[in-house]
PDB file of N, CA and C in Angstrom:
ATOM      1  N   MET A   1     -16.104   9.351  75.614  1.00  0.00           N
ATOM      2  CA  MET A   1     -15.832   8.194  74.464  1.00  0.00           C
ATOM      3  C   MET A   1     -16.672   8.068  73.271  1.00  0.00           C
ATOM      4  N   LYS A   2     -18.208   7.974  73.094  1.00  0.00           N
ATOM      5  CA  LYS A   2     -18.768   8.396  71.941  1.00  0.00           C
ATOM      6  C   LYS A   2     -18.520   9.803  71.155  1.00  0.00           C
ATOM      7  N   ARG A   3     -17.910  10.677  71.806  1.00  0.00           N
ATOM      8  CA  ARG A   3     -17.631  12.155  71.325  1.00  0.00           C
ATOM      9  C   ARG A   3     -16.251  11.641  70.317  1.00  0.00           C
ATOM     10  N   VAL A   4     -15.471  10.899  70.895  1.00  0.00           N
ATOM     11  CA  VAL A   4     -13.984  10.234  70.472  1.00  0.00           C
ATOM     12  C   VAL A   4     -14.165   9.760  69.089  1.00  0.00           C
ATOM     13  N   LEU A   5     -14.941   8.492  69.598  1.00  0.00           N
ATOM     14  CA  LEU A   5     -15.437   7.447  68.591  1.00  0.00           C
ATOM     15  C   LEU A   5     -16.590   8.608  67.229  1.00  0.00           C
ATOM     16  N   SER A   6     -16.882   9.161  67.687  1.00  0.00           N
ATOM     17  CA  SER A   6     -17.857  10.139  66.300  1.00  0.00           C
ATOM     18  C   SER A   6     -16.596  11.229  65.838  1.00  0.00           C
ATOM     19  N   ILE A   7     -15.894  11.662  66.210  1.00  0.00           N
ATOM     20  CA  ILE A   7     -14.810  12.451  65.821  1.00  0.00           C
ATOM     21  C   ILE A   7     -14.153  11.765  64.974  1.00  0.00           C
ATOM     22  N   LEU A   8     -13.741  10.260  65.602  1.00  0.00           N
ATOM     23  CA  LEU A   8     -12.443   9.661  64.504  1.00  0.00           C
ATOM     24  C   LEU A   8     -13.317   9.391  63.336  1.00  0.00           C
ATOM     25  N   LEU A   9     -14.948   9.030  63.274  1.00  0.00           N
ATOM     26  CA  LEU A   9     -15.073   8.881  62.236  1.00  0.00           C
ATOM     27  C   LEU A   9     -15.426   9.256  61.045  1.00  0.00           C
ATOM     28  N   VAL A  10     -16.015  10.996  61.783  1.00  0.00           N
ATOM     29  CA  VAL A  10     -16.170  11.695  60.775  1.00  0.00           C
ATOM     30  C   VAL A  10     -14.921  12.113  59.956  1.00  0.00           C
ATOM     31  N   MET A  11     -13.891  12.162  60.543  1.00  0.00           N
ATOM     32  CA  MET A  11     -12.259  12.521  60.116  1.00  0.00           C
ATOM     33  C   MET A  11     -12.230  11.184  58.962  1.00  0.00           C
ATOM     34  N   VAL A  12     -12.241   9.649  59.475  1.00  0.00           N
ATOM     35  CA  VAL A  12     -11.931   8.790  58.461  1.00  0.00           C
ATOM     36  C   VAL A  12     -13.188   9.170  57.077  1.00  0.00           C
ATOM     37  N   ILE A  13     -14.263   9.275  56.836  1.00  0.00           N
ATOM     38  CA  ILE A  13     -15.472   9.964  56.426  1.00  0.00           C
ATOM     39  C   ILE A  13     -14.524  11.524  55.321  1.00  0.00           C
ATOM     40  N   ILE A  14     -13.890  12.370  55.943  1.00  0.00           N
ATOM     41  CA  ILE A  14     -13.725  13.159  55.333  1.00  0.00           C
ATOM     42  C   ILE A  14     -12.455  12.849  54.557  1.00  0.00           C
ATOM     43  N   VAL A  15     -11.466  12.479  55.125  1.00  0.00           N
ATOM     44  CA  VAL A  15     -10.325  11.659  54.236  1.00  0.00           C
ATOM     45  C   VAL A  15     -10.391  10.781  53.174  1.00  0.00           C
ATOM     46  N   PHE A  16     -11.267  10.323  53.332  1.00  0.00           N
ATOM     47  CA  PHE A  16     -11.538   9.173  51.864  1.00  0.00           C
ATOM     48  C   PHE A  16     -12.509  10.054  51.337  1.00  0.00           C
ATOM     49  N   ALA A  17     -13.276  10.777  51.209  1.00  0.00           N
ATOM     50  CA  ALA A  17     -14.268  11.813  50.629  1.00  0.00           C
ATOM     51  C   ALA A  17     -13.276  12.918  49.822  1.00  0.00           C
ATOM     52  N   ALA A  18     -11.939  13.183  50.379  1.00  0.00           N
ATOM     53  CA  ALA A  18     -11.298  14.259  49.775  1.00  0.00           C
ATOM     54  C   ALA A  18     -10.569  13.515  48.894  1.00  0.00           C
ATOM     55  N   VAL A  19     -10.327  12.018  48.823  1.00  0.00           N
ATOM     56  CA  VAL A  19      -9.168  11.508  47.863  1.00  0.00           C
ATOM     57  C   VAL A  19      -9.760  11.471  46.669  1.00  0.00           C
ATOM     58  N   PRO A  20      -9.357  11.653  45.215  1.00  0.00           N
ATOM     59  CA  PRO A  20     -10.193  11.245  44.361  1.00  0.00           C
ATOM     60  C   PRO A  20     -10.007  10.097  44.063  1.00  0.00           C
ATOM     61  N   MET A  21     -10.983   9.350  43.421  1.00  0.00           N
ATOM     62  CA  MET A  21     -10.410   8.000  43.324  1.00  0.00           C
ATOM     63  C   MET A  21      -9.925   7.818  41.921  1.00  0.00           C
ATOM     64  N   THR A  22      -9.202   7.962  41.807  1.00  0.00           N
ATOM     65  CA  THR A  22      -8.436   7.762  40.407  1.00  0.00           C
ATOM     66  C   THR A  22      -8.752   6.010  39.848  1.00  0.00           C
ATOM     67  N   SER A  23      -8.747   5.323  40.356  1.00  0.00           N
ATOM     68  CA  SER A  23      -9.046   4.317  39.999  1.00  0.00           C
ATOM     69  C   SER A  23     -10.483   3.695  39.303  1.00  0.00           C
ATOM     70  N   GLY A  24     -11.269   4.729  39.390  1.00  0.00           N
ATOM     71  CA  GLY A  24     -12.616   4.275  39.491  1.00  0.00           C
ATOM     72  C   GLY A  24     -13.089   5.428  38.285  1.00  0.00           C
ATOM     73  N   GLN A  25     -11.998   6.468  37.748  1.00  0.00           N
ATOM     74  CA  GLN A  25     -12.429   7.096  36.539  1.00  0.00           C
ATOM     75  C   GLN A  25     -11.782   6.667  35.014  1.00  0.00           C
ATOM     76  N   THR A  26     -12.251   6.553  34.182  1.00  0.00           N
ATOM     77  CA  THR A  26     -11.929   5.828  33.189  1.00  0.00           C
ATOM     78  C   THR A  26     -11.359   6.995  31.959  1.00  0.00           C
ATOM     79  N   VAL A  27     -10.861   7.183  31.515  1.00  0.00           N
ATOM     80  CA  VAL A  27     -10.257   8.516  30.552  1.00  0.00           C
ATOM     81  C   VAL A  27     -10.496   7.891  28.847  1.00  0.00           C
ATOM     82  N   ARG A  28     -11.490   8.693  28.346  1.00  0.00           N
ATOM     83  CA  ARG A  28     -11.633   7.929  26.979  1.00  0.00           C
ATOM     84  C   ARG A  28     -11.371   9.160  25.645  1.00  0.00           C
ATOM     85  N   HIS A  29     -10.712   8.627  24.659  1.00  0.00           N
ATOM     86  CA  HIS A  29     -10.118   9.581  23.989  1.00  0.00           C
ATOM     87  C   HIS A  29     -10.358   8.814  22.572  1.00  0.00           C
ATOM     88  N   ARG A  30     -11.209  10.227  21.881  1.00  0.00           N
ATOM     89  CA  ARG A  30     -11.388  10.220  20.799  1.00  0.00           C
ATOM     90  C   ARG A  30     -10.471   9.733  19.941  1.00  0.00           C
ATOM     91  N   ARG A  31     -10.270   8.789  18.899  1.00  0.00           N
ATOM     92  CA  ARG A  31      -9.408   8.632  17.793  1.00  0.00           C
ATOM     93  C   ARG A  31      -9.452   9.598  16.639  1.00  0.00           C
ATOM     94  N   HIS A  32     -10.620   9.012  16.256  1.00  0.00           N
ATOM     95  CA  HIS A  32     -11.390   9.653  14.628  1.00  0.00           C
ATOM     96  C   HIS A  32     -13.042  10.429  14.875  1.00  0.00           C
ATOM     97  N   SER A  33     -12.978  11.120  14.597  1.00  0.00           N
ATOM     98  CA  SER A  33     -14.245  11.790  14.482  1.00  0.00           C
ATOM     99  C   SER A  33     -15.287  11.237  12.862  1.00  0.00           C
ATOM    100  N   ARG A  34     -15.789  10.661  13.379  1.00  0.00           N
ATOM    101  CA  ARG A  34     -16.991  10.559  11.524  1.00  0.00           C
ATOM    102  C   ARG A  34     -17.755  11.081  11.338  1.00  0.00           C
ATOM    103  N   THR A  35     -17.637  11.287   9.984  1.00  0.00           N
ATOM    104  CA  THR A  35     -19.053  12.003   9.558  1.00  0.00           C
ATOM    105  C   THR A  35     -20.181  11.211   9.741  1.00  0.00           C
ATOM    106  N   PHE A  36     -21.192  12.428   9.279  1.00  0.00           N
ATOM    107  CA  PHE A  36     -22.704  11.350   9.338  1.00  0.00           C
ATOM    108  C   PHE A  36     -23.070  10.593   8.662  1.00  0.00           C
ATOM    109  N   TRP A  37     -22.123  10.856   7.129  1.00  0.00           N
ATOM    110  CA  TRP A  37     -22.143   9.390   6.223  1.00  0.00           C
ATOM    111  C   TRP A  37     -21.754   8.527   6.503  1.00  0.00           C
ATOM    112  N   GLN A  38     -20.295   8.675   7.255  1.00  0.00           N
ATOM    113  CA  GLN A  38     -19.718   7.599   7.787  1.00  0.00           C
ATOM    114  C   GLN A  38     -20.293   6.524   8.604  1.00  0.00           C
ATOM    115  N   LYS A  39     -20.742   7.167   9.601  1.00  0.00           N
ATOM    116  CA  LYS A  39     -21.846   6.608  10.701  1.00  0.00           C
ATOM    117  C   LYS A  39     -22.811   5.800  10.152  1.00  0.00           C
ATOM    118  N   HIS A  40     -23.549   6.472   9.227  1.00  0.00           N
ATOM    119  CA  HIS A  40     -25.054   5.701   8.535  1.00  0.00           C
ATOM    120  C   HIS A  40     -25.031   5.267   6.966  1.00  0.00           C
ATOM    121  N   ARG A  41     -24.337   5.532   6.710  1.00  0.00           N
ATOM    122  CA  ARG A  41     -23.758   4.826   5.264  1.00  0.00           C
ATOM    123  C   ARG A  41     -24.537   3.526   4.837  1.00  0.00           C
ATOM    124  N   ASP A  42     -24.464   2.373   5.157  1.00  0.00           N
ATOM    125  CA  ASP A  42     -25.219   1.315   5.093  1.00  0.00           C
ATOM    126  C   ASP A  42     -26.943   1.822   4.791  1.00  0.00           C
ATOM    127  N   LYS A  43     -27.156   2.149   6.173  1.00  0.00           N
ATOM    128  CA  LYS A  43     -28.936   3.050   6.180  1.00  0.00           C
ATOM    129  C   LYS A  43     -29.235   3.921   4.930  1.00  0.00           C
ATOM    130  N   LEU A  44     -28.061   4.773   4.865  1.00  0.00           N
ATOM    131  CA  LEU A  44     -28.797   5.706   3.856  1.00  0.00           C
ATOM    132  C   LEU A  44     -28.793   4.933   2.062  1.00  0.00           C
ATOM    133  N   THR A  45     -27.837   4.146   2.312  1.00  0.00           N
ATOM    134  CA  THR A  45     -27.535   3.571   1.033  1.00  0.00           C
ATOM    135  C   THR A  45     -28.891   2.649   0.683  1.00  0.00           C
ATOM    136  N   VAL A  46     -29.610   1.858   1.964  1.00  0.00           N
ATOM    137  CA  VAL A  46     -30.751   1.408   1.956  1.00  0.00           C
ATOM    138  C   VAL A  46     -31.768   2.098   1.100  1.00  0.00           C
ATOM    139  N   ALA A  47     -32.135   3.114   2.508  1.00  0.00           N
ATOM    140  CA  ALA A  47     -33.327   4.443   1.840  1.00  0.00           C
ATOM    141  C   ALA A  47     -33.167   4.609   0.861  1.00  0.00           C
ATOM    142  N   GLY A  48     -31.576   4.986   0.113  1.00  0.00           N
ATOM    143  CA  GLY A  48     -32.079   5.748  -1.420  1.00  0.00           C
ATOM    144  C   GLY A  48     -32.258   4.923  -2.277  1.00  0.00           C
ATOM    145  N   ALA A  49     -31.701   3.535  -2.388  1.00  0.00           N
ATOM    146  CA  ALA A  49     -32.240   2.794  -3.396  1.00  0.00           C
ATOM    147  C   ALA A  49     -33.909   2.684  -2.838  1.00  0.00           C
ATOM    148  N   ALA A  50     -34.479   2.620  -1.751  1.00  0.00           N
ATOM    149  CA  ALA A  50     -35.811   2.232  -1.496  1.00  0.00           C
ATOM    150  C   ALA A  50     -36.487   3.272  -2.154  1.00  0.00           C
ATOM    151  N   THR A  51     -35.952   4.356  -1.561  1.00  0.00           N
ATOM    152  CA  THR A  51     -37.236   5.836  -2.427  1.00  0.00           C
ATOM    153  C   THR A  51     -36.685   5.762  -4.161  1.00  0.00           C
ATOM    154  N   ALA A  52     -35.468   5.210  -4.592  1.00  0.00           N
ATOM    155  CA  ALA A  52     -35.624   5.661  -6.232  1.00  0.00           C
ATOM    156  C   ALA A  52     -36.471   4.099  -6.656  1.00  0.00           C
ATOM    157  N   GLY A  53     -36.701   3.060  -5.869  1.00  0.00           N
ATOM    158  CA  GLY A  53     -37.519   2.125  -6.358  1.00  0.00           C
ATOM    159  C   GLY A  53     -39.146   2.744  -6.399  1.00  0.00           C
ATOM    160  N   ALA A  54     -39.384   3.074  -4.940  1.00  0.00           N
ATOM    161  CA  ALA A  54     -40.963   4.035  -5.427  1.00  0.00           C
ATOM    162  C   ALA A  54     -41.228   5.021  -5.762  1.00  0.00           C
ATOM    163  N   GLY A  55     -40.177   5.407  -6.272  1.00  0.00           N
ATOM    164  CA  GLY A  55     -40.253   6.627  -7.466  1.00  0.00           C
ATOM    165  C   GLY A  55     -40.699   5.911  -8.913  1.00  0.00           C
ATOM    166  N   ILE A  56     -39.909   4.781  -8.943  1.00  0.00           N
ATOM    167  CA  ILE A  56     -39.777   4.240 -10.467  1.00  0.00           C
ATOM    168  C   ILE A  56     -41.223   3.382 -10.359  1.00  0.00           C
ATOM    169  N   GLY A  57     -41.632   2.720  -9.545  1.00  0.00           N
ATOM    170  CA  GLY A  57     -42.732   1.877  -9.216  1.00  0.00           C
ATOM    171  C   GLY A  57     -44.426   2.809  -9.019  1.00  0.00           C
ATOM    172  N   ALA A  58     -43.936   4.017  -8.515  1.00  0.00           N
ATOM    173  CA  ALA A  58     -44.931   4.970  -8.555  1.00  0.00           C
ATOM    174  C   ALA A  58     -45.452   5.539  -9.843  1.00  0.00           C
ATOM    175  N   LEU A  59     -44.506   5.679 -10.711  1.00  0.00           N
ATOM    176  CA  LEU A  59     -44.675   6.040 -12.042  1.00  0.00           C
ATOM    177  C   LEU A  59     -45.255   5.009 -12.672  1.00  0.00           C
ATOM    178  N   SER A  60     -44.500   3.370 -13.204  1.00  0.00           N
ATOM    179  CA  SER A  60     -45.340   3.002 -14.000  1.00  0.00           C
ATOM    180  C   SER A  60     -46.742   1.895 -13.145  1.00  0.00           C
ATOM    181  N   GLY A  61     -46.629   2.159 -12.024  1.00  0.00           N
ATOM    182  CA  GLY A  61     -48.010   1.303 -11.435  1.00  0.00           C
ATOM    183  C   GLY A  61     -48.637   2.182 -10.116  1.00  0.00           C
ATOM    184  N   GLY A  62     -48.501   3.309 -10.050  1.00  0.00           N
ATOM    185  CA  GLY A  62     -49.616   3.845  -9.225  1.00  0.00           C
ATOM    186  C   GLY A  62     -49.303   3.302  -7.537  1.00  0.00           C
ATOM    187  N   LYS A  63     -50.038   3.085  -6.935  1.00  0.00           N
ATOM    188  CA  LYS A  63     -49.610   3.179  -5.682  1.00  0.00           C
ATOM    189  C   LYS A  63     -48.988   1.495  -5.251  1.00  0.00           C
ATOM    190  N   LYS A  64     -49.849   0.685  -5.660  1.00  0.00           N
ATOM    191  CA  LYS A  64     -49.352  -0.838  -5.778  1.00  0.00           C
ATOM    192  C   LYS A  64     -47.929  -0.700  -6.226  1.00  0.00           C
ATOM    193  N   GLY A  65     -47.702  -0.014  -7.586  1.00  0.00           N
ATOM    194  CA  GLY A  65     -46.361  -0.139  -7.906  1.00  0.00           C
ATOM    195  C   GLY A  65     -45.201   0.396  -7.331  1.00  0.00           C
ATOM    196  N   ALA A  66     -45.528   1.532  -6.431  1.00  0.00           N
ATOM    197  CA  ALA A  66     -44.971   2.251  -5.253  1.00  0.00           C
ATOM    198  C   ALA A  66     -44.519   1.465  -4.400  1.00  0.00           C
ATOM    199  N   ALA A  67     -45.367   0.457  -3.773  1.00  0.00           N
ATOM    200  CA  ALA A  67     -45.020  -0.343  -2.706  1.00  0.00           C
ATOM    201  C   ALA A  67     -44.114  -1.812  -3.260  1.00  0.00           C
ATOM    202  N   ILE A  68     -44.683  -2.141  -4.253  1.00  0.00           N
ATOM    203  CA  ILE A  68     -43.504  -3.078  -5.072  1.00  0.00           C
ATOM    204  C   ILE A  68     -42.151  -2.793  -5.397  1.00  0.00           C
ATOM    205  N   GLY A  69     -42.149  -1.519  -6.092  1.00  0.00           N
ATOM    206  CA  GLY A  69     -40.817  -0.993  -5.796  1.00  0.00           C
ATOM    207  C   GLY A  69     -40.241  -0.607  -4.595  1.00  0.00           C
ATOM    208  N   THR A  70     -40.393   0.032  -3.800  1.00  0.00           N
ATOM    209  CA  THR A  70     -40.025   0.038  -2.273  1.00  0.00           C
ATOM    210  C   THR A  70     -39.606  -1.455  -2.468  1.00  0.00           C
ATOM    211  N   ALA A  71     -40.262  -2.005  -1.947  1.00  0.00           N
ATOM    212  CA  ALA A  71     -39.459  -4.091  -1.913  1.00  0.00           C
ATOM    213  C   ALA A  71     -38.360  -4.191  -2.134  1.00  0.00           C
ATOM    214  N   VAL A  72     -38.465  -3.959  -3.824  1.00  0.00           N
ATOM    215  CA  VAL A  72     -37.571  -4.348  -5.091  1.00  0.00           C
ATOM    216  C   VAL A  72     -36.140  -3.290  -4.423  1.00  0.00           C
ATOM    217  N   GLY A  73     -36.603  -2.013  -3.840  1.00  0.00           N
ATOM    218  CA  GLY A  73     -35.528  -1.224  -4.205  1.00  0.00           C
ATOM    219  C   GLY A  73     -34.457  -1.149  -2.737  1.00  0.00           C
ATOM    220  N   ALA A  74     -35.486  -1.634  -1.675  1.00  0.00           N
ATOM    221  CA  ALA A  74     -34.825  -1.498  -0.096  1.00  0.00           C
ATOM    222  C   ALA A  74     -34.145  -3.207  -0.728  1.00  0.00           C
ATOM    223  N   GLY A  75     -34.666  -4.335  -1.340  1.00  0.00           N
ATOM    224  CA  GLY A  75     -34.063  -5.691  -1.254  1.00  0.00           C
ATOM    225  C   GLY A  75     -33.049  -5.424  -2.072  1.00  0.00           C
ATOM    226  N   SER A  76     -32.501  -4.729  -3.183  1.00  0.00           N
ATOM    227  CA  SER A  76     -31.720  -4.341  -4.059  1.00  0.00           C
ATOM    228  C   SER A  76     -30.114  -3.229  -3.220  1.00  0.00           C
ATOM    229  N   GLY A  77     -30.905  -2.716  -2.933  1.00  0.00           N
ATOM    230  CA  GLY A  77     -29.770  -1.603  -1.690  1.00  0.00           C
ATOM    231  C   GLY A  77     -29.073  -2.658  -0.625  1.00  0.00           C
ATOM    232  N   ALA A  78     -30.025  -3.198  -0.347  1.00  0.00           N
ATOM    233  CA  ALA A  78     -29.191  -4.338   1.160  1.00  0.00           C
ATOM    234  C   ALA A  78     -28.487  -4.992   0.593  1.00  0.00           C
ATOM    235  N   LEU A  79     -28.885  -5.907  -0.590  1.00  0.00           N
ATOM    236  CA  LEU A  79     -27.958  -6.581  -1.433  1.00  0.00           C
ATOM    237  C   LEU A  79     -26.375  -6.081  -1.571  1.00  0.00           C
ATOM    238  N   TYR A  80     -26.716  -5.172  -2.141  1.00  0.00           N
ATOM    239  CA  TYR A  80     -25.419  -4.018  -2.636  1.00  0.00           C
ATOM    240  C   TYR A  80     -24.673  -3.578  -1.041  1.00  0.00           C
ATOM    241  N   THR A  81     -25.442  -2.972  -0.407  1.00  0.00           N
ATOM    242  CA  THR A  81     -24.893  -2.478   0.952  1.00  0.00           C
ATOM    243  C   THR A  81     -24.004  -4.043   1.603  1.00  0.00           C
ATOM    244  N   TYR A  82     -24.726  -4.994   1.648  1.00  0.00           N
ATOM    245  CA  TYR A  82     -23.862  -5.931   2.743  1.00  0.00           C
ATOM    246  C   TYR A  82     -23.557  -7.115   1.772  1.00  0.00           C
ATOM    247  N   LYS A  83     -23.591  -7.367   0.677  1.00  0.00           N
ATOM    248  CA  LYS A  83     -22.604  -8.350  -0.117  1.00  0.00           C
ATOM    249  C   LYS A  83     -22.090  -7.973  -1.112  1.00  0.00           C
ATOM    250  N   LEU A  84     -22.383  -6.954  -2.019  1.00  0.00           N
ATOM    251  CA  LEU A  84     -21.412  -6.808  -3.265  1.00  0.00           C
ATOM    252  C   LEU A  84     -20.794  -5.267  -2.951  1.00  0.00           C
ATOM    253  N   ARG A  85     -20.558  -4.552  -2.237  1.00  0.00           N
ATOM    254  CA  ARG A  85     -19.929  -3.704  -1.938  1.00  0.00           C
ATOM    255  C   ARG A  85     -18.636  -3.648  -1.068  1.00  0.00           C
ATOM    256  N   LYS A  86     -17.397  -3.347  -1.409  1.00  0.00           N
ATOM    257  CA  LYS A  86     -16.096  -3.445  -0.990  1.00  0.00           C
ATOM    258  C   LYS A  86     -15.854  -2.980   0.165  1.00  0.00           C
ATOM    259  N   ARG A  87     -15.855  -3.294   1.213  1.00  0.00           N
ATOM    260  CA  ARG A  87     -16.001  -2.946   2.430  1.00  0.00           C
ATOM    261  C   ARG A  87     -14.259  -2.209   3.084  1.00  0.00           C
ATOM    262  N   HIS A  88     -13.530  -3.187   2.945  1.00  0.00           N
ATOM    263  CA  HIS A  88     -12.130  -2.984   3.333  1.00  0.00           C
ATOM    264  C   HIS A  88     -11.250  -2.427   2.109  1.00  0.00           C
ATOM    265  N   ARG A  89     -11.158  -1.222   2.211  1.00  0.00           N
ATOM    266  CA  ARG A  89     -10.322  -0.287   1.139  1.00  0.00           C
ATOM    267  C   ARG A  89      -8.824  -0.082   2.400  1.00  0.00           C
ATOM    268  N   HIS A  90      -7.953  -0.142   1.390  1.00  0.00           N
ATOM    269  CA  HIS A  90      -6.935  -0.092   1.692  1.00  0.00           C
ATOM    270  C   HIS A  90      -6.714   1.208   1.754  1.00  0.00           C
ATOM    271  N   ARG A  91      -6.373   2.375   2.708  1.00  0.00           N
ATOM    272  CA  ARG A  91      -5.862   3.551   2.099  1.00  0.00           C
ATOM    273  C   ARG A  91      -4.842   3.653   2.487  1.00  0.00           C
ATOM    274  N   ARG A  92      -3.994   4.898   1.591  1.00  0.00           N
ATOM    275  CA  ARG A  92      -2.292   5.118   1.629  1.00  0.00           C
ATOM    276  C   ARG A  92      -2.962   6.360   1.846  1.00  0.00           C
ATOM    277  N   TYR A  93      -1.673   6.355   3.147  1.00  0.00           N
ATOM    278  CA  TYR A  93      -1.706   7.692   3.392  1.00  0.00           C
ATOM    279  C   TYR A  93      -0.425   8.517   3.169  1.00  0.00           C
TER     280      TYR A  93
END
């Protein structure tokens, strides 16, 4: 009796292991592949403004001026990026 139950149990395990579980698998499709610039546009804009501010501040005031220029540049870049720039442009194809 033990042999019959163990064979039956092994057969049930093999049947369930052999059948692929399609409901557990998800299929993901990539619609658009975005470029590096499209993915990181906001960060790059703020970093570029901060770098420019640091350069101008370093030319005019040394180390302290560079620190102040970095803060002012980052602030102005963030203001432009998150408040002033038009985000939703209508593209015509």
